[in-house]
Amino acid sequence: MTTYHGSCHCGDVRFTFEHDAISSGLHCNCSICIRKGALMSDFILPADQLHIDAKPGALALYRFGNGVAKHYFCKQCGIYPFHETLRMPGHFRLNLGCIEGLDPLNMASKVFDGKSL
């Protein structure tokens, strides 16, 4: 297991977690993810395994549709670092572009059909 560190662009939202080596990611074609264009983790983390350290008031939340999925972003720089999933509330996917030492542009990826949910 490796301890990974991530943050938004300005650093007001930081997070850490442990996971095996990350070598691939996931794109989703739902209406918000297609616009974000981020490569997300192809694994999910239970809330107790994602350690979030955000400045007070820095982390904002956006919900749409049925409101179950929670899309978080930094109020200062606007970057999306992670979201709570629709299919498994209480579990998170991470923006791989926010994780130190990863190059999401050179990772294999799959497409998840969130548009059809």
C-alpha atoms as a PDB file:
ATOM      1  CA  MET A   1       0.000   0.000   0.000  1.00  0.00           C
ATOM      2  CA  THR A   2       1.114   3.521  -0.811  1.00  0.00           C
ATOM      3  CA  THR A   3       0.053   6.707   0.949  1.00  0.00           C
ATOM      4  CA  TYR A   4      -1.113   9.199  -1.658  1.00  0.00           C
ATOM      5  CA  HIS A   5      -1.417  12.948  -1.181  1.00  0.00           C
ATOM      6  CA  GLY A   6      -3.665  15.193  -3.214  1.00  0.00           C
ATOM      7  CA  SER A   7      -4.942  18.730  -3.333  1.00  0.00           C
ATOM      8  CA  CYS A   8      -6.864  21.261  -5.342  1.00  0.00           C
ATOM      9  CA  HIS A   9      -4.793  23.786  -7.333  1.00  0.00           C
ATOM     10  CA  CYS A  10      -4.465  26.424  -4.586  1.00  0.00           C
ATOM     11  CA  GLY A  11      -3.974  23.921  -1.738  1.00  0.00           C
ATOM     12  CA  ASP A  12      -6.974  24.974   0.335  1.00  0.00           C
ATOM     13  CA  VAL A  13      -8.359  21.433  -0.022  1.00  0.00           C
ATOM     14  CA  ARG A  14      -5.954  18.576   0.676  1.00  0.00           C
ATOM     15  CA  PHE A  15      -6.520  14.853   1.060  1.00  0.00           C
ATOM     16  CA  THR A  16      -4.653  11.625   1.726  1.00  0.00           C
ATOM     17  CA  PHE A  17      -5.475   7.956   1.359  1.00  0.00           C
ATOM     18  CA  GLU A  18      -3.786   4.572   1.098  1.00  0.00           C
ATOM     19  CA  HIS A  19      -4.137   2.336  -1.933  1.00  0.00           C
ATOM     20  CA  ASP A  20      -2.253  -0.063  -4.147  1.00  0.00           C
ATOM     21  CA  ALA A  21      -0.356   1.387  -7.122  1.00  0.00           C
ATOM     22  CA  ILE A  22      -2.607   3.505  -9.332  1.00  0.00           C
ATOM     23  CA  SER A  23      -2.089   2.871 -13.036  1.00  0.00           C
ATOM     24  CA  SER A  24      -5.472   3.474 -14.654  1.00  0.00           C
ATOM     25  CA  GLY A  25      -8.561   5.606 -14.327  1.00  0.00           C
ATOM     26  CA  LEU A  26     -12.134   6.113 -15.335  1.00  0.00           C
ATOM     27  CA  HIS A  27     -14.000   8.673 -17.432  1.00  0.00           C
ATOM     28  CA  CYS A  28     -17.728   9.066 -16.923  1.00  0.00           C
ATOM     29  CA  ASN A  29     -20.082  10.317 -19.629  1.00  0.00           C
ATOM     30  CA  CYS A  30     -22.766  11.800 -17.343  1.00  0.00           C
ATOM     31  CA  SER A  31     -23.683  15.448 -17.864  1.00  0.00           C
ATOM     32  CA  ILE A  32     -21.337  16.837 -15.195  1.00  0.00           C
ATOM     33  CA  CYS A  33     -18.355  14.516 -15.664  1.00  0.00           C
ATOM     34  CA  ILE A  34     -18.245  14.990 -19.425  1.00  0.00           C
ATOM     35  CA  ARG A  35     -17.939  18.723 -18.772  1.00  0.00           C
ATOM     36  CA  LYS A  36     -15.281  18.306 -16.045  1.00  0.00           C
ATOM     37  CA  GLY A  37     -13.198  16.010 -18.244  1.00  0.00           C
ATOM     38  CA  ALA A  38     -11.256  14.693 -15.259  1.00  0.00           C
ATOM     39  CA  LEU A  39      -9.797  11.208 -15.065  1.00  0.00           C
ATOM     40  CA  MET A  40     -11.260   9.696 -11.902  1.00  0.00           C
ATOM     41  CA  SER A  41     -10.051   6.776  -9.862  1.00  0.00           C
ATOM     42  CA  ASP A  42     -11.349   3.463 -11.144  1.00  0.00           C
ATOM     43  CA  PHE A  43     -11.641   2.381  -7.511  1.00  0.00           C
ATOM     44  CA  ILE A  44     -13.796   3.797  -4.756  1.00  0.00           C
ATOM     45  CA  LEU A  45     -12.828   4.621  -1.189  1.00  0.00           C
ATOM     46  CA  PRO A  46     -15.102   4.392   1.836  1.00  0.00           C
ATOM     47  CA  ALA A  47     -15.401   7.758   3.585  1.00  0.00           C
ATOM     48  CA  ASP A  48     -13.325   6.581   6.546  1.00  0.00           C
ATOM     49  CA  GLN A  49     -10.349   5.886   4.219  1.00  0.00           C
ATOM     50  CA  LEU A  50     -10.291   9.347   2.640  1.00  0.00           C
ATOM     51  CA  HIS A  51      -8.734  11.882   4.977  1.00  0.00           C
ATOM     52  CA  ILE A  52      -9.774  15.408   3.979  1.00  0.00           C
ATOM     53  CA  ASP A  53      -8.004  18.481   5.315  1.00  0.00           C
ATOM     54  CA  ALA A  54      -9.685  21.636   4.019  1.00  0.00           C
ATOM     55  CA  LYS A  55      -9.431  25.201   5.212  1.00  0.00           C
ATOM     56  CA  PRO A  56     -12.664  26.257   6.914  1.00  0.00           C
ATOM     57  CA  GLY A  57     -15.274  27.088   4.290  1.00  0.00           C
ATOM     58  CA  ALA A  58     -13.021  26.061   1.368  1.00  0.00           C
ATOM     59  CA  LEU A  59     -14.894  22.948   0.276  1.00  0.00           C
ATOM     60  CA  ALA A  60     -18.101  23.545  -1.664  1.00  0.00           C
ATOM     61  CA  LEU A  61     -20.693  21.004  -2.763  1.00  0.00           C
ATOM     62  CA  TYR A  62     -22.726  20.682  -5.950  1.00  0.00           C
ATOM     63  CA  ARG A  63     -25.644  18.265  -6.367  1.00  0.00           C
ATOM     64  CA  PHE A  64     -27.979  17.739  -9.283  1.00  0.00           C
ATOM     65  CA  GLY A  65     -30.608  15.249 -10.418  1.00  0.00           C
ATOM     66  CA  ASN A  66     -31.707  13.175  -7.443  1.00  0.00           C
ATOM     67  CA  GLY A  67     -29.043  14.828  -5.249  1.00  0.00           C
ATOM     68  CA  VAL A  68     -27.434  11.584  -4.083  1.00  0.00           C
ATOM     69  CA  ALA A  69     -24.033  12.123  -5.726  1.00  0.00           C
ATOM     70  CA  LYS A  70     -22.009  14.877  -4.062  1.00  0.00           C
ATOM     71  CA  HIS A  71     -19.536  16.717  -6.291  1.00  0.00           C
ATOM     72  CA  TYR A  72     -17.030  18.675  -4.217  1.00  0.00           C
ATOM     73  CA  PHE A  73     -14.907  21.574  -5.406  1.00  0.00           C
ATOM     74  CA  CYS A  74     -12.649  24.239  -3.931  1.00  0.00           C
ATOM     75  CA  LYS A  75     -14.335  27.637  -3.532  1.00  0.00           C
ATOM     76  CA  GLN A  76     -11.024  29.431  -4.142  1.00  0.00           C
ATOM     77  CA  CYS A  77      -9.654  27.766  -7.306  1.00  0.00           C
ATOM     78  CA  GLY A  78     -12.694  25.809  -8.529  1.00  0.00           C
ATOM     79  CA  ILE A  79     -10.931  22.453  -8.833  1.00  0.00           C
ATOM     80  CA  TYR A  80     -12.873  19.218  -8.336  1.00  0.00           C
ATOM     81  CA  PRO A  81     -10.756  16.907  -6.115  1.00  0.00           C
ATOM     82  CA  PHE A  82     -13.279  14.118  -5.404  1.00  0.00           C
ATOM     83  CA  HIS A  83     -16.947  13.179  -5.331  1.00  0.00           C
ATOM     84  CA  GLU A  84     -19.235  10.906  -3.376  1.00  0.00           C
ATOM     85  CA  THR A  85     -20.731   8.381  -5.773  1.00  0.00           C
ATOM     86  CA  LEU A  86     -24.325   7.949  -6.824  1.00  0.00           C
ATOM     87  CA  ARG A  87     -24.218   4.164  -6.811  1.00  0.00           C
ATOM     88  CA  MET A  88     -22.443   3.838  -3.453  1.00  0.00           C
ATOM     89  CA  PRO A  89     -23.219   6.781  -1.158  1.00  0.00           C
ATOM     90  CA  GLY A  90     -20.538   7.173   1.494  1.00  0.00           C
ATOM     91  CA  HIS A  91     -17.836   6.148  -1.002  1.00  0.00           C
ATOM     92  CA  PHE A  92     -15.593   8.414  -3.056  1.00  0.00           C
ATOM     93  CA  ARG A  93     -13.871   8.589  -6.431  1.00  0.00           C
ATOM     94  CA  LEU A  94     -10.872  10.881  -6.739  1.00  0.00           C
ATOM     95  CA  ASN A  95      -9.657  13.242  -9.456  1.00  0.00           C
ATOM     96  CA  LEU A  96      -6.351  11.598 -10.434  1.00  0.00           C
ATOM     97  CA  GLY A  97      -5.054  14.951 -11.694  1.00  0.00           C
ATOM     98  CA  CYS A  98      -5.082  16.197  -8.097  1.00  0.00           C
ATOM     99  CA  ILE A  99      -2.835  13.416  -6.776  1.00  0.00           C
ATOM    100  CA  GLU A 100       0.885  14.110  -6.409  1.00  0.00           C
ATOM    101  CA  GLY A 101       3.158  12.007  -8.609  1.00  0.00           C
ATOM    102  CA  LEU A 102       0.460  10.747 -10.991  1.00  0.00           C
ATOM    103  CA  ASP A 103       0.253  11.620 -14.688  1.00  0.00           C
ATOM    104  CA  PRO A 104      -3.364  11.033 -15.729  1.00  0.00           C
ATOM    105  CA  LEU A 105      -2.582  11.951 -19.352  1.00  0.00           C
ATOM    106  CA  ASN A 106      -0.468   8.801 -19.637  1.00  0.00           C
ATOM    107  CA  MET A 107      -2.808   6.375 -17.872  1.00  0.00           C
ATOM    108  CA  ALA A 108      -5.069   3.767 -19.369  1.00  0.00           C
ATOM    109  CA  SER A 109      -8.722   4.605 -18.933  1.00  0.00           C
ATOM    110  CA  LYS A 110     -12.176   3.096 -19.274  1.00  0.00           C
ATOM    111  CA  VAL A 111     -15.490   4.841 -19.811  1.00  0.00           C
ATOM    112  CA  PHE A 112     -18.313   4.430 -17.312  1.00  0.00           C
ATOM    113  CA  ASP A 113     -21.798   4.968 -18.740  1.00  0.00           C
ATOM    114  CA  GLY A 114     -23.180   7.333 -16.109  1.00  0.00           C
ATOM    115  CA  LYS A 115     -25.324   9.012 -18.759  1.00  0.00           C
ATOM    116  CA  SER A 116     -27.675   6.016 -18.802  1.00  0.00           C
ATOM    117  CA  LEU A 117     -28.270   5.931 -15.029  1.00  0.00           C
END
